[in-house]
Amino acid sequence: MVRIADVAKMANVSTATVSRVISNAGTVKKETANKVLEAIDKLNYKPNVLARQLRRLETQTILVVIPDITNTFFSNVLRGIESVATAYGYQVLLGDAQNIVERERSYLDNLGQRKADGVILLTARTDQKVLEELSEQYPVVLACEYYEGSNLPTVSIDNISSARKATEYLISLNHKKIAHISGPLKVVVGRDRLKGFHQAMAHHGLPIESLLVQEGDFSYESGFNLMKKLLMLDEIPTAVFAANDEMAMGAIKAAKAKGIRVPDDLSVIGFDDIKFASIFEPALTTIAQPTFEIGKKAMELLLKLINNEELEKDQFMLADKLIVRDSCRERSN
């Protein structure tokens, strides 16, 4: 069956542009519209009239799906989303996927049932093809997480370069035996932060010991338990880069329980700059994500899709920042 994405590809335009041509919105240049109509004719594309009719029934509600409601990182992203949504008269319906793909998919069914006008996904674990097909009929935006090589509208940071920056900061403090507590490697941000760690270590000619790389799940408990595991080694690391702040805090707690001082004996750096990072003892050095801005930009993109507006740009990469606090110290030779 020919899909709207096939028409868009042949005409070299976005699916939103094809949709506007089909609905005769009058906002597409004549030359572009002609290319779309020619592609429709060549492919013998039959628009889904029922889906188009349903699409016009607005609920003034948008759905936001998060992977884990207990992870405090997402609170400021949600505030950014709501700041724009409420200004435009939209309510926000929140779905907690609990890191379960099936739950994530069940929330997406709300679009087909017309319970929401669009969705912002702060998790990307649904099959990429399934989500891309869904986005052909309904407004979908990804934030924080993403799919590699996808054209879905996305707002994120560069997790590879950010993780590289965190690792290089530890290297600049003369640390050579550096451990990494990664996020789950089935999730793209977990893989990308691991890549950044590897890149920094390789660039500086430092060996990457397999036992010093442990896979966590972004929870405080996994940081605590994996740090305990690292402390069982004959030669323990002098520094740890944890792929998020909660795991970094768990790692520090485990080190303290063994009488290891942070940062005197062990430097620890986190990722995300959640609110508690500056209150924690010692205050956590971390990579700050512009969480509020990510939420705002994601909602602004979703509104454009809902209103069938042309997206001049659909992939946004916002700037992160290294926040230096008290959990890292230069290592003497």
Protein backbone atom coordinates (compact mmCIF):
# COMPACT_ATOMS: atom_id res chain seq x y z
CA MET A 1 0.00 0.00 0.00
CA VAL A 2 1.35 3.41 -0.98
CA ARG A 3 1.81 5.67 2.05
CA ILE A 4 1.96 9.43 2.40
CA ALA A 5 5.67 9.04 3.23
CA ASP A 6 6.24 7.50 -0.22
CA VAL A 7 4.67 10.55 -1.85
CA ALA A 8 6.76 12.88 0.31
CA LYS A 9 9.95 11.02 -0.61
CA MET A 10 9.26 11.13 -4.35
CA ALA A 11 8.37 14.84 -4.22
CA ASN A 12 11.28 15.56 -1.86
CA VAL A 13 9.05 17.33 0.68
CA SER A 14 7.78 16.64 4.20
CA THR A 15 4.68 14.56 4.91
CA ALA A 16 3.12 17.72 6.41
CA THR A 17 3.50 19.45 3.02
CA VAL A 18 1.80 16.53 1.25
CA SER A 19 -1.03 16.69 3.80
CA ARG A 20 -1.52 20.42 3.14
CA VAL A 21 -1.64 19.86 -0.61
CA ILE A 22 -4.23 17.09 -0.20
CA SER A 23 -6.37 19.23 2.11
CA ASN A 24 -5.97 22.25 -0.22
CA ALA A 25 -4.73 24.39 2.66
CA GLY A 26 -3.42 27.02 0.23
CA THR A 27 -0.14 27.56 2.07
CA VAL A 28 2.11 25.59 -0.29
CA LYS A 29 3.98 27.18 -3.20
CA LYS A 30 2.52 26.31 -6.59
CA GLU A 31 5.73 24.69 -7.81
CA THR A 32 5.94 22.50 -4.69
CA ALA A 33 2.24 21.61 -4.90
CA ASN A 34 2.67 20.53 -8.51
CA LYS A 35 5.53 18.21 -7.54
CA VAL A 36 3.36 16.65 -4.85
CA LEU A 37 0.39 16.22 -7.18
CA GLU A 38 2.65 14.64 -9.79
CA ALA A 39 3.99 12.17 -7.22
CA ILE A 40 0.44 11.36 -6.08
CA ASP A 41 -0.53 10.65 -9.68
CA LYS A 42 2.54 8.49 -10.42
CA LEU A 43 2.15 6.45 -7.26
CA ASN A 44 -1.65 6.31 -7.48
CA TYR A 45 -1.85 7.37 -3.84
CA LYS A 46 -5.29 7.23 -2.22
CA PRO A 47 -5.51 9.54 0.83
CA ASN A 48 -7.11 8.17 3.98
CA VAL A 49 -10.19 10.40 4.01
CA LEU A 50 -11.49 9.08 7.33
CA ALA A 51 -8.17 9.79 9.05
CA ARG A 52 -8.20 13.31 7.63
CA GLN A 53 -11.70 13.93 8.90
CA LEU A 54 -10.84 12.60 12.35
CA ARG A 55 -7.71 14.72 12.35
CA ARG A 56 -9.82 17.89 12.26
CA LEU A 57 -11.66 16.97 15.47
CA GLU A 58 -9.58 18.73 18.10
CA THR A 59 -9.53 17.82 21.78
CA GLN A 60 -7.27 20.69 22.93
CA THR A 61 -5.30 17.99 24.74
CA ILE A 62 -1.80 16.75 24.06
CA LEU A 63 -0.24 13.55 25.36
CA VAL A 64 3.25 13.41 26.90
CA VAL A 65 4.75 9.95 27.41
CA ILE A 66 7.71 9.63 29.76
CA PRO A 67 9.77 6.48 30.38
CA ASP A 68 9.79 6.68 34.19
CA ILE A 69 7.79 9.14 36.29
CA THR A 70 10.07 8.59 39.29
CA ASN A 71 13.06 10.05 37.40
CA THR A 72 13.17 13.71 38.47
CA PHE A 73 15.00 14.72 35.29
CA PHE A 74 11.71 14.91 33.41
CA SER A 75 9.98 17.39 35.75
CA ASN A 76 11.56 20.48 34.21
CA VAL A 77 10.99 19.17 30.67
CA LEU A 78 7.30 18.83 31.54
CA ARG A 79 7.25 22.39 32.88
CA GLY A 80 8.65 23.63 29.60
CA ILE A 81 5.97 21.73 27.69
CA GLU A 82 3.17 23.03 29.91
CA SER A 83 4.39 26.63 29.72
CA VAL A 84 3.66 26.63 25.98
CA ALA A 85 0.66 24.29 26.05
CA THR A 86 -1.31 26.32 28.58
CA ALA A 87 -0.52 29.57 26.77
CA TYR A 88 -2.28 28.13 23.72
CA GLY A 89 -5.20 26.60 25.61
CA TYR A 90 -4.02 22.99 25.62
CA GLN A 91 -4.19 20.54 28.49
CA VAL A 92 -1.38 18.04 29.04
CA LEU A 93 -2.20 14.37 29.56
CA LEU A 94 0.72 12.49 31.13
CA GLY A 95 1.55 8.83 30.51
CA ASP A 96 4.14 6.89 32.50
CA ALA A 97 5.51 4.05 30.35
CA GLN A 98 7.49 2.59 33.28
CA ASN A 99 10.23 1.64 30.78
CA ILE A 100 7.85 -0.91 29.25
CA VAL A 101 7.49 -0.79 25.45
CA GLU A 102 3.96 -2.22 25.53
CA ARG A 103 2.80 0.56 27.87
CA GLU A 104 4.39 3.14 25.61
CA ARG A 105 2.51 1.68 22.65
CA SER A 106 -0.79 1.60 24.56
CA TYR A 107 -0.53 5.33 25.26
CA LEU A 108 -0.04 5.99 21.56
CA ASP A 109 -3.41 4.36 20.92
CA ASN A 110 -4.93 7.54 22.39
CA LEU A 111 -4.15 9.27 19.10
CA GLY A 112 -6.18 6.82 17.04
CA GLN A 113 -9.01 7.07 19.56
CA ARG A 114 -8.92 10.87 19.25
CA LYS A 115 -8.22 11.41 22.97
CA ALA A 116 -5.35 13.77 22.11
CA ASP A 117 -4.41 16.06 19.23
CA GLY A 118 -0.74 15.07 19.30
CA VAL A 119 1.98 13.42 21.34
CA ILE A 120 5.40 14.34 22.70
CA LEU A 121 7.47 11.26 23.47
CA LEU A 122 10.26 11.64 26.02
CA THR A 123 11.08 8.00 25.33
CA ALA A 124 11.98 6.27 22.08
CA ARG A 125 11.53 2.54 22.62
CA THR A 126 8.60 1.85 20.31
CA ASP A 127 9.70 0.35 17.00
CA GLN A 128 10.95 3.21 14.82
CA LYS A 129 8.99 2.15 11.75
CA VAL A 130 5.74 1.92 13.75
CA LEU A 131 6.22 5.43 15.12
CA GLU A 132 7.13 6.87 11.72
CA GLU A 133 3.97 5.38 10.23
CA LEU A 134 1.93 6.84 13.09
CA SER A 135 3.48 10.26 12.47
CA GLU A 136 2.13 10.20 8.91
CA GLN A 137 -1.39 10.57 10.31
CA TYR A 138 -0.90 12.32 13.65
CA PRO A 139 1.42 14.98 15.10
CA VAL A 140 4.37 13.30 16.86
CA VAL A 141 7.45 14.94 18.39
CA LEU A 142 10.38 13.29 20.16
CA ALA A 143 12.24 15.04 22.98
CA CYS A 144 15.32 13.99 24.99
CA GLU A 145 15.48 10.56 23.35
CA TYR A 146 15.61 10.01 19.59
CA TYR A 147 16.05 7.52 16.79
CA GLU A 148 19.29 7.38 14.85
CA GLY A 149 18.76 8.43 11.23
CA SER A 150 15.09 9.30 11.67
CA ASN A 151 13.37 12.38 10.21
CA LEU A 152 10.83 12.55 13.04
CA PRO A 153 10.71 16.04 14.62
CA THR A 154 13.16 15.83 17.52
CA VAL A 155 14.58 18.06 20.26
CA SER A 156 17.64 16.84 22.16
CA ILE A 157 21.28 17.49 23.00
CA ASP A 158 24.34 15.83 21.47
CA ASN A 159 24.77 13.04 24.00
CA ILE A 160 27.98 11.76 22.44
CA SER A 161 29.84 15.07 22.62
CA SER A 162 28.38 15.78 26.06
CA ALA A 163 29.64 12.47 27.44
CA ARG A 164 32.99 13.08 25.78
CA LYS A 165 33.15 16.45 27.53
CA ALA A 166 32.40 14.87 30.92
CA THR A 167 35.08 12.22 30.46
CA GLU A 168 37.66 14.72 29.20
CA TYR A 169 37.06 16.83 32.29
CA LEU A 170 38.09 13.87 34.46
CA ILE A 171 41.11 13.29 32.21
CA SER A 172 42.09 16.96 32.58
CA LEU A 173 42.21 16.35 36.35
CA ASN A 174 44.92 13.72 35.73
CA HIS A 175 42.63 10.69 36.12
CA LYS A 176 43.59 7.69 33.99
CA LYS A 177 41.71 4.80 35.58
CA ILE A 178 38.17 5.96 34.88
CA ALA A 179 35.03 3.84 35.21
CA HIS A 180 31.74 4.40 33.43
CA ILE A 181 28.34 3.45 34.80
CA SER A 182 26.27 3.57 31.63
CA GLY A 183 22.57 3.89 31.08
CA PRO A 184 20.67 0.90 29.62
CA LEU A 185 22.29 0.11 26.28
CA LYS A 186 18.94 -0.71 24.67
CA VAL A 187 18.24 3.03 24.93
CA VAL A 188 19.94 5.40 22.48
CA VAL A 189 21.09 7.90 25.11
CA GLY A 190 22.74 5.06 27.05
CA ARG A 191 24.61 3.95 23.93
CA ASP A 192 25.56 7.49 22.90
CA ARG A 193 26.95 8.43 26.31
CA LEU A 194 29.01 5.24 26.28
CA LYS A 195 30.29 6.21 22.81
CA GLY A 196 31.34 9.61 24.11
CA PHE A 197 33.20 7.96 27.00
CA HIS A 198 35.01 5.63 24.60
CA GLN A 199 35.91 8.48 22.25
CA ALA A 200 37.47 10.58 25.01
CA MET A 201 39.47 7.67 26.41
CA ALA A 202 40.72 6.64 22.96
CA HIS A 203 41.61 10.21 22.01
CA HIS A 204 43.88 10.46 25.05
CA GLY A 205 45.35 7.00 24.59
CA LEU A 206 43.87 5.63 27.80
CA PRO A 207 42.93 1.95 28.05
CA ILE A 208 39.27 1.02 28.47
CA GLU A 209 39.05 -1.90 30.85
CA SER A 210 35.92 -3.95 30.32
CA LEU A 211 35.39 -4.40 34.07
CA LEU A 212 35.33 -0.62 34.49
CA VAL A 213 32.27 -0.27 32.23
CA GLN A 214 29.07 -1.36 33.95
CA GLU A 215 25.53 -1.09 32.55
CA GLY A 216 23.01 0.58 34.81
CA ASP A 217 19.36 1.54 34.35
CA PHE A 218 19.44 5.26 35.29
CA SER A 219 18.25 4.52 38.84
CA TYR A 220 19.91 5.50 42.12
CA GLU A 221 19.91 1.83 43.12
CA SER A 222 21.85 0.72 40.05
CA GLY A 223 24.48 3.39 40.67
CA PHE A 224 24.83 2.22 44.26
CA ASN A 225 25.05 -1.49 43.38
CA LEU A 226 27.41 -1.07 40.44
CA MET A 227 29.75 1.15 42.45
CA LYS A 228 29.88 -1.59 45.10
CA LYS A 229 30.87 -3.97 42.30
CA LEU A 230 33.62 -1.62 41.08
CA LEU A 231 34.97 -1.36 44.62
CA MET A 232 35.51 -5.13 44.67
CA LEU A 233 38.25 -4.85 42.02
CA ASP A 234 41.90 -5.24 43.03
CA GLU A 235 42.58 -1.78 41.62
CA ILE A 236 39.60 0.49 41.99
CA PRO A 237 39.07 3.46 39.66
CA THR A 238 40.10 6.94 40.72
CA ALA A 239 37.14 8.49 38.90
CA VAL A 240 33.66 7.51 37.74
CA PHE A 241 31.50 9.01 35.02
CA ALA A 242 27.88 8.04 35.63
CA ALA A 243 25.44 8.45 32.75
CA ASN A 244 22.94 10.34 34.91
CA ASP A 245 22.88 12.16 38.24
CA GLU A 246 20.81 9.59 40.12
CA MET A 247 23.36 6.85 39.36
CA ALA A 248 26.19 9.25 40.26
CA MET A 249 24.58 9.90 43.66
CA GLY A 250 24.14 6.17 44.21
CA ALA A 251 27.80 5.65 43.37
CA ILE A 252 28.89 8.31 45.87
CA LYS A 253 26.70 6.76 48.58
CA ALA A 254 28.28 3.33 47.96
CA ALA A 255 31.80 4.81 48.08
CA LYS A 256 31.10 6.61 51.35
CA ALA A 257 29.72 3.40 52.86
CA LYS A 258 33.14 1.83 52.22
CA GLY A 259 35.00 4.74 53.77
CA ILE A 260 36.08 6.18 50.42
CA ARG A 261 36.06 9.96 50.39
CA VAL A 262 34.58 11.91 47.46
CA PRO A 263 36.35 13.76 45.95
CA ASP A 264 39.59 13.13 47.92
CA ASP A 265 39.84 9.43 47.02
CA LEU A 266 37.34 9.22 44.16
CA SER A 267 36.02 11.80 41.69
CA VAL A 268 32.46 11.36 40.41
CA ILE A 269 30.72 13.22 37.59
CA GLY A 270 27.06 12.87 36.64
CA PHE A 271 24.79 13.91 33.80
CA ASP A 272 21.55 15.97 33.59
CA ASP A 273 21.94 18.50 36.46
CA ILE A 274 18.72 17.58 38.22
CA LYS A 275 17.67 19.95 41.01
CA PHE A 276 19.06 17.75 43.77
CA ALA A 277 22.56 17.73 42.17
CA SER A 278 23.46 21.10 43.70
CA ILE A 279 22.05 20.14 47.13
CA PHE A 280 23.69 16.73 47.35
CA GLU A 281 26.82 16.30 49.50
CA PRO A 282 29.25 16.78 47.90
CA ALA A 283 27.54 19.02 45.33
CA LEU A 284 27.66 17.10 42.07
CA THR A 285 29.74 18.06 39.05
CA THR A 286 27.58 17.24 36.04
CA ILE A 287 26.49 17.97 32.49
CA ALA A 288 23.46 20.28 32.49
CA GLN A 289 20.77 19.75 29.90
CA PRO A 290 18.53 22.72 29.00
CA THR A 291 15.49 20.77 30.15
CA PHE A 292 12.96 23.60 30.24
CA GLU A 293 14.01 24.77 26.77
CA ILE A 294 13.77 21.21 25.42
CA GLY A 295 10.18 21.02 26.65
CA LYS A 296 9.28 24.44 25.22
CA LYS A 297 10.77 23.72 21.81
CA ALA A 298 9.09 20.30 21.64
CA MET A 299 5.67 21.82 22.36
CA GLU A 300 6.25 24.61 19.82
CA LEU A 301 7.05 21.98 17.19
CA LEU A 302 3.97 19.96 18.10
CA LEU A 303 1.72 23.03 17.76
CA LYS A 304 3.05 23.64 14.27
CA LEU A 305 2.27 20.05 13.31
CA ILE A 306 -1.21 20.27 14.84
CA ASN A 307 -1.87 23.45 12.85
CA ASN A 308 -0.42 21.96 9.64
CA GLU A 309 2.30 24.61 9.49
CA GLU A 310 5.46 24.06 7.48
CA LEU A 311 8.47 23.07 9.58
CA GLU A 312 11.48 24.99 8.35
CA LYS A 313 13.57 22.73 10.60
CA ASP A 314 12.52 19.56 12.37
CA GLN A 315 15.72 18.44 14.14
CA PHE A 316 16.90 20.61 17.03
CA MET A 317 20.08 20.00 19.04
CA LEU A 318 20.35 22.31 22.04
CA ALA A 319 23.53 23.20 23.92
CA ASP A 320 24.57 21.46 27.14
CA LYS A 321 26.96 22.85 29.77
CA LEU A 322 29.56 21.39 32.12
CA ILE A 323 28.70 22.42 35.70
CA VAL A 324 31.74 22.15 37.98
CA ARG A 325 30.94 21.66 41.66
CA ASP A 326 32.59 19.68 44.48
CA SER A 327 32.53 15.98 43.51
CA CYS A 328 35.69 15.99 41.39
CA ARG A 329 39.28 16.82 42.29
CA GLU A 330 42.62 16.79 40.51
CA ARG A 331 44.59 13.62 41.17
CA SER A 332 48.19 14.04 42.27
CA ASN A 333 50.80 11.79 40.66
